Amino acid sequence: MSRLEDISVPFRKTEIAKNTYDNNDQYNSGNPNALSDGDEKGKGKMNGDVGSATDIKVRNTQLAKNRFSKNKEYNAGTA
């Protein structure tokens, strides 16, 4: 190992110990905290929504001001 690796290994172990997720509870597309289910953690797509509760609320507020919507999308035909 290089000197840098010798120094970094203890730091890596310390940081991994602080991580909520580990090999038994990995953060991936199957983890509830990765899904957009109405809380502040999830960002992945679920039931047509993407993002945390705040992301969705802000996006809906912005869409209310926009003349385009899910039913009238902005595309080459409507531009």
C-alpha atoms as a PDB file:
ATOM      1  CA  MET A   1       0.000   0.000   0.000  1.00  0.00           C
ATOM      2  CA  SER A   2       1.048   3.554  -0.610  1.00  0.00           C
ATOM      3  CA  ARG A   3       1.440   6.048   2.198  1.00  0.00           C
ATOM      4  CA  LEU A   4      -1.813   7.729   1.159  1.00  0.00           C
ATOM      5  CA  GLU A   5      -3.693   4.408   1.337  1.00  0.00           C
ATOM      6  CA  ASP A   6      -2.185   3.697   4.762  1.00  0.00           C
ATOM      7  CA  ILE A   7      -3.536   7.022   6.017  1.00  0.00           C
ATOM      8  CA  SER A   8      -6.923   6.830   4.287  1.00  0.00           C
ATOM      9  CA  VAL A   9      -8.065   3.347   5.360  1.00  0.00           C
ATOM     10  CA  PRO A  10      -8.825   4.327   8.997  1.00  0.00           C
ATOM     11  CA  PHE A  11     -10.700   7.433   7.792  1.00  0.00           C
ATOM     12  CA  ARG A  12     -12.758   5.352   5.350  1.00  0.00           C
ATOM     13  CA  LYS A  13     -13.729   2.897   8.095  1.00  0.00           C
ATOM     14  CA  THR A  14     -14.780   5.791  10.338  1.00  0.00           C
ATOM     15  CA  GLU A  15     -16.931   7.369   7.619  1.00  0.00           C
ATOM     16  CA  ILE A  16     -18.541   4.066   6.605  1.00  0.00           C
ATOM     17  CA  ALA A  17     -19.425   3.470  10.264  1.00  0.00           C
ATOM     18  CA  LYS A  18     -21.425   6.738  10.203  1.00  0.00           C
ATOM     19  CA  ASN A  19     -23.330   5.722   7.076  1.00  0.00           C
ATOM     20  CA  THR A  20     -26.928   4.616   7.637  1.00  0.00           C
ATOM     21  CA  TYR A  21     -26.668   2.061   4.840  1.00  0.00           C
ATOM     22  CA  ASP A  22     -24.460  -1.025   4.815  1.00  0.00           C
ATOM     23  CA  ASN A  23     -24.187  -4.362   3.004  1.00  0.00           C
ATOM     24  CA  ASN A  24     -27.349  -5.614   4.731  1.00  0.00           C
ATOM     25  CA  ASP A  25     -29.379  -2.460   4.008  1.00  0.00           C
ATOM     26  CA  GLN A  26     -28.021  -0.989   0.791  1.00  0.00           C
ATOM     27  CA  TYR A  27     -29.218   2.269  -0.714  1.00  0.00           C
ATOM     28  CA  ASN A  28     -30.491   1.175  -4.116  1.00  0.00           C
ATOM     29  CA  SER A  29     -33.688   1.204  -6.176  1.00  0.00           C
ATOM     30  CA  GLY A  30     -35.266  -1.351  -3.816  1.00  0.00           C
ATOM     31  CA  ASN A  31     -34.685   0.655  -0.653  1.00  0.00           C
ATOM     32  CA  PRO A  32     -37.779   2.551   0.613  1.00  0.00           C
ATOM     33  CA  ASN A  33     -35.640   5.635   1.275  1.00  0.00           C
ATOM     34  CA  ALA A  34     -34.699   5.779  -2.409  1.00  0.00           C
ATOM     35  CA  LEU A  35     -38.307   5.936  -3.608  1.00  0.00           C
ATOM     36  CA  SER A  36     -40.463   9.008  -4.025  1.00  0.00           C
ATOM     37  CA  ASP A  37     -43.196   7.907  -1.633  1.00  0.00           C
ATOM     38  CA  GLY A  38     -44.116  11.275  -0.135  1.00  0.00           C
ATOM     39  CA  ASP A  39     -41.329  11.738   2.402  1.00  0.00           C
ATOM     40  CA  GLU A  40     -38.235  13.936   2.208  1.00  0.00           C
ATOM     41  CA  LYS A  41     -35.767  11.125   1.569  1.00  0.00           C
ATOM     42  CA  GLY A  42     -36.836   9.478  -1.652  1.00  0.00           C
ATOM     43  CA  LYS A  43     -35.850  10.827  -5.040  1.00  0.00           C
ATOM     44  CA  GLY A  44     -36.591   7.872  -7.337  1.00  0.00           C
ATOM     45  CA  LYS A  45     -39.718   7.553  -9.456  1.00  0.00           C
ATOM     46  CA  MET A  46     -42.801   6.051  -7.802  1.00  0.00           C
ATOM     47  CA  ASN A  47     -46.428   6.309  -8.931  1.00  0.00           C
ATOM     48  CA  GLY A  48     -45.462   8.860 -11.567  1.00  0.00           C
ATOM     49  CA  ASP A  49     -43.827  11.220  -9.063  1.00  0.00           C
ATOM     50  CA  VAL A  50     -40.120  11.960  -8.842  1.00  0.00           C
ATOM     51  CA  GLY A  51     -38.388  13.640  -5.918  1.00  0.00           C
ATOM     52  CA  SER A  52     -39.004  14.376  -2.278  1.00  0.00           C
ATOM     53  CA  ALA A  53     -42.268  15.801  -0.945  1.00  0.00           C
ATOM     54  CA  THR A  54     -40.793  19.308  -1.201  1.00  0.00           C
ATOM     55  CA  ASP A  55     -39.567  18.684  -4.781  1.00  0.00           C
ATOM     56  CA  ILE A  56     -43.042  17.564  -5.845  1.00  0.00           C
ATOM     57  CA  LYS A  57     -44.793  20.465  -4.085  1.00  0.00           C
ATOM     58  CA  VAL A  58     -42.515  23.087  -5.670  1.00  0.00           C
ATOM     59  CA  ARG A  59     -42.809  21.464  -9.098  1.00  0.00           C
ATOM     60  CA  ASN A  60     -46.619  21.457  -8.845  1.00  0.00           C
ATOM     61  CA  THR A  61     -46.576  25.123  -7.802  1.00  0.00           C
ATOM     62  CA  GLN A  62     -44.418  25.970 -10.804  1.00  0.00           C
ATOM     63  CA  LEU A  63     -46.572  23.912 -13.169  1.00  0.00           C
ATOM     64  CA  ALA A  64     -49.667  25.820 -12.019  1.00  0.00           C
ATOM     65  CA  LYS A  65     -48.094  28.948 -13.527  1.00  0.00           C
ATOM     66  CA  ASN A  66     -47.201  27.173 -16.767  1.00  0.00           C
ATOM     67  CA  ARG A  67     -49.600  26.900 -19.704  1.00  0.00           C
ATOM     68  CA  PHE A  68     -48.319  23.378 -20.396  1.00  0.00           C
ATOM     69  CA  SER A  69     -49.197  20.370 -18.243  1.00  0.00           C
ATOM     70  CA  LYS A  70     -49.234  16.566 -18.260  1.00  0.00           C
ATOM     71  CA  ASN A  71     -52.303  16.753 -20.511  1.00  0.00           C
ATOM     72  CA  LYS A  72     -50.850  19.481 -22.739  1.00  0.00           C
ATOM     73  CA  GLU A  73     -47.123  18.832 -22.941  1.00  0.00           C
ATOM     74  CA  TYR A  74     -44.544  21.105 -24.485  1.00  0.00           C
ATOM     75  CA  ASN A  75     -43.227  19.391 -27.597  1.00  0.00           C
ATOM     76  CA  ALA A  76     -42.559  20.045 -31.296  1.00  0.00           C
ATOM     77  CA  GLY A  77     -46.294  20.043 -32.063  1.00  0.00           C
ATOM     78  CA  THR A  78     -47.175  22.658 -29.445  1.00  0.00           C
ATOM     79  CA  ALA A  79     -44.064  24.872 -29.621  1.00  0.00           C
END
